[in-house]
Amino acid sequence: MLLLDKIDPVTLSGKNDFVVAVDAVGAGIGELVFYASGSSARFTRQTEGLPADSAVVAIVDAIEVDGAFTFRKFQ
């Protein structure tokens, strides 16, 4: 389980809006991730058939806003 803080995609600052999610991709501390919620959270091997409401489904490599990168995992 991971505690996620939603972020602003431009400033990357946290919004103090938290979600607890099952980690289906092996994300580490401090990584930016995508998550699915609701019934979509149960479409991973780790959560299939379980009462999961949120699941991490991808690790973010980059964020691009209006043609400019605000985040790159690998620089």
N, C-alpha and C. Protein backbone atom coordinates (compact mmCIF):
# COMPACT_ATOMS: atom_id res chain seq x y z
N MET A 1 0.84 -1.17 0.00
CA MET A 1 0.00 0.00 0.00
C MET A 1 0.89 1.24 0.00
N LEU A 2 0.46 2.24 -0.75
CA LEU A 2 1.16 3.51 -0.81
C LEU A 2 0.20 4.64 -0.47
N LEU A 3 0.73 5.68 0.17
CA LEU A 3 -0.02 6.90 0.40
C LEU A 3 0.40 7.88 -0.68
N LEU A 4 -0.54 8.27 -1.53
CA LEU A 4 -0.25 9.17 -2.65
C LEU A 4 -0.77 10.56 -2.34
N ASP A 5 0.00 11.57 -2.76
CA ASP A 5 -0.44 12.96 -2.65
C ASP A 5 -0.60 13.48 -4.07
N LYS A 6 -1.78 13.94 -4.43
CA LYS A 6 -1.99 14.50 -5.76
C LYS A 6 -1.13 15.75 -5.90
N ILE A 7 -0.60 16.00 -7.13
CA ILE A 7 0.30 17.13 -7.34
C ILE A 7 -0.21 18.06 -8.44
N ASP A 8 0.31 19.26 -8.44
CA ASP A 8 0.10 20.19 -9.53
C ASP A 8 1.11 19.82 -10.61
N PRO A 9 0.69 19.57 -11.86
CA PRO A 9 1.62 19.10 -12.90
C PRO A 9 2.63 20.14 -13.36
N VAL A 10 2.42 21.40 -13.05
CA VAL A 10 3.36 22.45 -13.44
C VAL A 10 4.41 22.66 -12.35
N THR A 11 3.96 22.84 -11.11
CA THR A 11 4.89 23.13 -10.01
C THR A 11 5.39 21.88 -9.31
N LEU A 12 4.70 20.77 -9.50
CA LEU A 12 4.98 19.48 -8.84
C LEU A 12 4.78 19.54 -7.33
N SER A 13 4.14 20.59 -6.84
CA SER A 13 3.89 20.69 -5.40
C SER A 13 2.65 19.88 -5.04
N GLY A 14 2.70 19.28 -3.85
CA GLY A 14 1.57 18.48 -3.38
C GLY A 14 0.37 19.34 -3.07
N LYS A 15 -0.82 18.73 -3.20
CA LYS A 15 -2.08 19.43 -2.95
C LYS A 15 -2.70 19.07 -1.60
N ASN A 16 -1.99 18.25 -0.81
CA ASN A 16 -2.54 17.75 0.46
C ASN A 16 -3.89 17.08 0.24
N ASP A 17 -4.01 16.35 -0.86
CA ASP A 17 -5.20 15.58 -1.21
C ASP A 17 -4.71 14.14 -1.41
N PHE A 18 -4.89 13.31 -0.39
CA PHE A 18 -4.23 12.01 -0.35
C PHE A 18 -5.14 10.86 -0.77
N VAL A 19 -4.50 9.81 -1.30
CA VAL A 19 -5.18 8.57 -1.71
C VAL A 19 -4.31 7.41 -1.23
N VAL A 20 -4.94 6.39 -0.67
CA VAL A 20 -4.24 5.16 -0.33
C VAL A 20 -4.49 4.19 -1.47
N ALA A 21 -3.39 3.61 -2.02
CA ALA A 21 -3.53 2.75 -3.20
C ALA A 21 -2.67 1.51 -3.08
N VAL A 22 -3.16 0.43 -3.66
CA VAL A 22 -2.37 -0.80 -3.79
C VAL A 22 -1.32 -0.54 -4.86
N ASP A 23 -0.07 -0.94 -4.60
CA ASP A 23 1.00 -0.74 -5.58
C ASP A 23 1.08 -1.97 -6.49
N ALA A 24 0.63 -1.81 -7.74
CA ALA A 24 0.63 -2.92 -8.69
C ALA A 24 1.83 -2.90 -9.63
N VAL A 25 2.74 -1.91 -9.47
CA VAL A 25 3.86 -1.78 -10.41
C VAL A 25 5.23 -1.71 -9.74
N GLY A 26 5.32 -1.77 -8.42
CA GLY A 26 6.60 -1.71 -7.74
C GLY A 26 7.19 -0.32 -7.65
N ALA A 27 6.36 0.67 -7.45
CA ALA A 27 6.83 2.06 -7.35
C ALA A 27 7.59 2.25 -6.04
N GLY A 28 8.56 3.16 -6.09
CA GLY A 28 9.35 3.44 -4.90
C GLY A 28 8.95 4.76 -4.28
N ILE A 29 9.50 5.02 -3.11
CA ILE A 29 9.23 6.27 -2.40
C ILE A 29 9.72 7.44 -3.25
N GLY A 30 8.89 8.46 -3.38
CA GLY A 30 9.25 9.65 -4.12
C GLY A 30 8.99 9.60 -5.61
N GLU A 31 8.54 8.46 -6.13
CA GLU A 31 8.25 8.38 -7.57
C GLU A 31 6.89 8.98 -7.87
N LEU A 32 6.77 9.56 -9.06
CA LEU A 32 5.47 10.04 -9.53
C LEU A 32 4.77 8.87 -10.22
N VAL A 33 3.49 8.71 -9.92
CA VAL A 33 2.74 7.56 -10.44
C VAL A 33 1.37 7.98 -10.95
N PHE A 34 0.78 7.11 -11.77
CA PHE A 34 -0.63 7.21 -12.13
C PHE A 34 -1.36 6.17 -11.31
N TYR A 35 -2.59 6.49 -10.94
CA TYR A 35 -3.40 5.49 -10.25
C TYR A 35 -4.78 5.44 -10.87
N ALA A 36 -5.41 4.28 -10.70
CA ALA A 36 -6.80 4.09 -11.13
C ALA A 36 -7.64 3.91 -9.87
N SER A 37 -8.87 4.41 -9.92
CA SER A 37 -9.73 4.27 -8.75
C SER A 37 -11.09 3.70 -9.16
N GLY A 38 -11.83 3.31 -8.16
CA GLY A 38 -13.13 2.68 -8.41
C GLY A 38 -12.96 1.28 -8.95
N SER A 39 -13.91 0.83 -9.75
CA SER A 39 -13.84 -0.55 -10.26
C SER A 39 -12.63 -0.77 -11.15
N SER A 40 -12.10 0.28 -11.78
CA SER A 40 -10.90 0.14 -12.61
C SER A 40 -9.69 -0.29 -11.81
N ALA A 41 -9.67 -0.02 -10.52
CA ALA A 41 -8.54 -0.41 -9.67
C ALA A 41 -8.43 -1.93 -9.52
N ARG A 42 -9.46 -2.64 -9.85
CA ARG A 42 -9.45 -4.10 -9.70
C ARG A 42 -9.08 -4.84 -10.98
N PHE A 43 -8.53 -4.13 -11.96
CA PHE A 43 -8.15 -4.75 -13.23
C PHE A 43 -6.66 -5.05 -13.33
N THR A 44 -5.96 -5.24 -12.20
CA THR A 44 -4.56 -5.65 -12.22
C THR A 44 -4.47 -7.06 -11.65
N ARG A 45 -3.35 -7.72 -11.91
CA ARG A 45 -3.17 -9.07 -11.36
C ARG A 45 -3.20 -9.06 -9.83
N GLN A 46 -2.61 -8.02 -9.24
CA GLN A 46 -2.53 -7.95 -7.79
C GLN A 46 -3.86 -7.63 -7.13
N THR A 47 -4.76 -6.97 -7.84
CA THR A 47 -6.02 -6.53 -7.21
C THR A 47 -7.26 -7.25 -7.74
N GLU A 48 -7.11 -8.11 -8.72
CA GLU A 48 -8.27 -8.80 -9.30
C GLU A 48 -9.04 -9.56 -8.23
N GLY A 49 -10.31 -9.24 -8.12
CA GLY A 49 -11.18 -9.92 -7.17
C GLY A 49 -11.05 -9.42 -5.74
N LEU A 50 -10.21 -8.44 -5.49
CA LEU A 50 -10.03 -7.91 -4.13
C LEU A 50 -10.81 -6.60 -3.96
N PRO A 51 -11.12 -6.24 -2.74
CA PRO A 51 -11.87 -5.00 -2.51
C PRO A 51 -10.97 -3.77 -2.52
N ALA A 52 -10.22 -3.58 -3.59
CA ALA A 52 -9.34 -2.42 -3.73
C ALA A 52 -10.10 -1.27 -4.38
N ASP A 53 -9.93 -0.08 -3.86
CA ASP A 53 -10.60 1.09 -4.43
C ASP A 53 -9.66 1.95 -5.25
N SER A 54 -8.32 1.82 -5.03
CA SER A 54 -7.32 2.56 -5.80
C SER A 54 -6.09 1.69 -6.00
N ALA A 55 -5.49 1.78 -7.19
CA ALA A 55 -4.30 1.00 -7.49
C ALA A 55 -3.34 1.82 -8.34
N VAL A 56 -2.04 1.76 -8.00
CA VAL A 56 -1.01 2.39 -8.81
C VAL A 56 -0.85 1.53 -10.05
N VAL A 57 -0.96 2.14 -11.24
CA VAL A 57 -0.92 1.38 -12.49
C VAL A 57 0.25 1.76 -13.40
N ALA A 58 0.98 2.84 -13.08
CA ALA A 58 2.11 3.25 -13.92
C ALA A 58 3.02 4.19 -13.16
N ILE A 59 4.31 4.15 -13.52
CA ILE A 59 5.29 5.09 -12.99
C ILE A 59 5.53 6.13 -14.08
N VAL A 60 5.51 7.41 -13.72
CA VAL A 60 5.63 8.51 -14.68
C VAL A 60 7.10 8.74 -15.02
N ASP A 61 7.40 8.79 -16.31
CA ASP A 61 8.75 9.10 -16.77
C ASP A 61 8.92 10.59 -17.05
N ALA A 62 7.86 11.26 -17.50
CA ALA A 62 7.96 12.68 -17.84
C ALA A 62 6.58 13.31 -17.81
N ILE A 63 6.57 14.62 -17.53
CA ILE A 63 5.34 15.42 -17.63
C ILE A 63 5.66 16.59 -18.55
N GLU A 64 4.83 16.77 -19.57
CA GLU A 64 4.99 17.87 -20.51
C GLU A 64 3.72 18.71 -20.50
N VAL A 65 3.87 20.00 -20.29
CA VAL A 65 2.75 20.93 -20.25
C VAL A 65 3.01 22.03 -21.27
N ASP A 66 2.12 22.17 -22.25
CA ASP A 66 2.25 23.20 -23.29
C ASP A 66 3.62 23.18 -23.97
N GLY A 67 4.11 21.99 -24.26
CA GLY A 67 5.37 21.84 -24.99
C GLY A 67 6.63 21.95 -24.16
N ALA A 68 6.51 22.16 -22.86
CA ALA A 68 7.68 22.26 -21.99
C ALA A 68 7.61 21.17 -20.92
N PHE A 69 8.73 20.52 -20.68
CA PHE A 69 8.77 19.48 -19.64
C PHE A 69 8.83 20.13 -18.26
N THR A 70 7.93 19.67 -17.37
CA THR A 70 7.97 20.11 -15.98
C THR A 70 8.61 19.04 -15.10
N PHE A 71 8.73 17.83 -15.64
CA PHE A 71 9.35 16.72 -14.91
C PHE A 71 9.92 15.73 -15.91
N ARG A 72 11.12 15.26 -15.64
CA ARG A 72 11.73 14.14 -16.36
C ARG A 72 12.41 13.27 -15.33
N LYS A 73 12.04 12.00 -15.32
CA LYS A 73 12.63 11.06 -14.38
C LYS A 73 14.11 10.86 -14.67
N PHE A 74 14.44 10.71 -15.95
CA PHE A 74 15.82 10.49 -16.36
C PHE A 74 16.31 11.72 -17.09
N GLN A 75 17.31 12.39 -16.57
CA GLN A 75 17.80 13.61 -17.23
C GLN A 75 19.16 13.40 -17.80
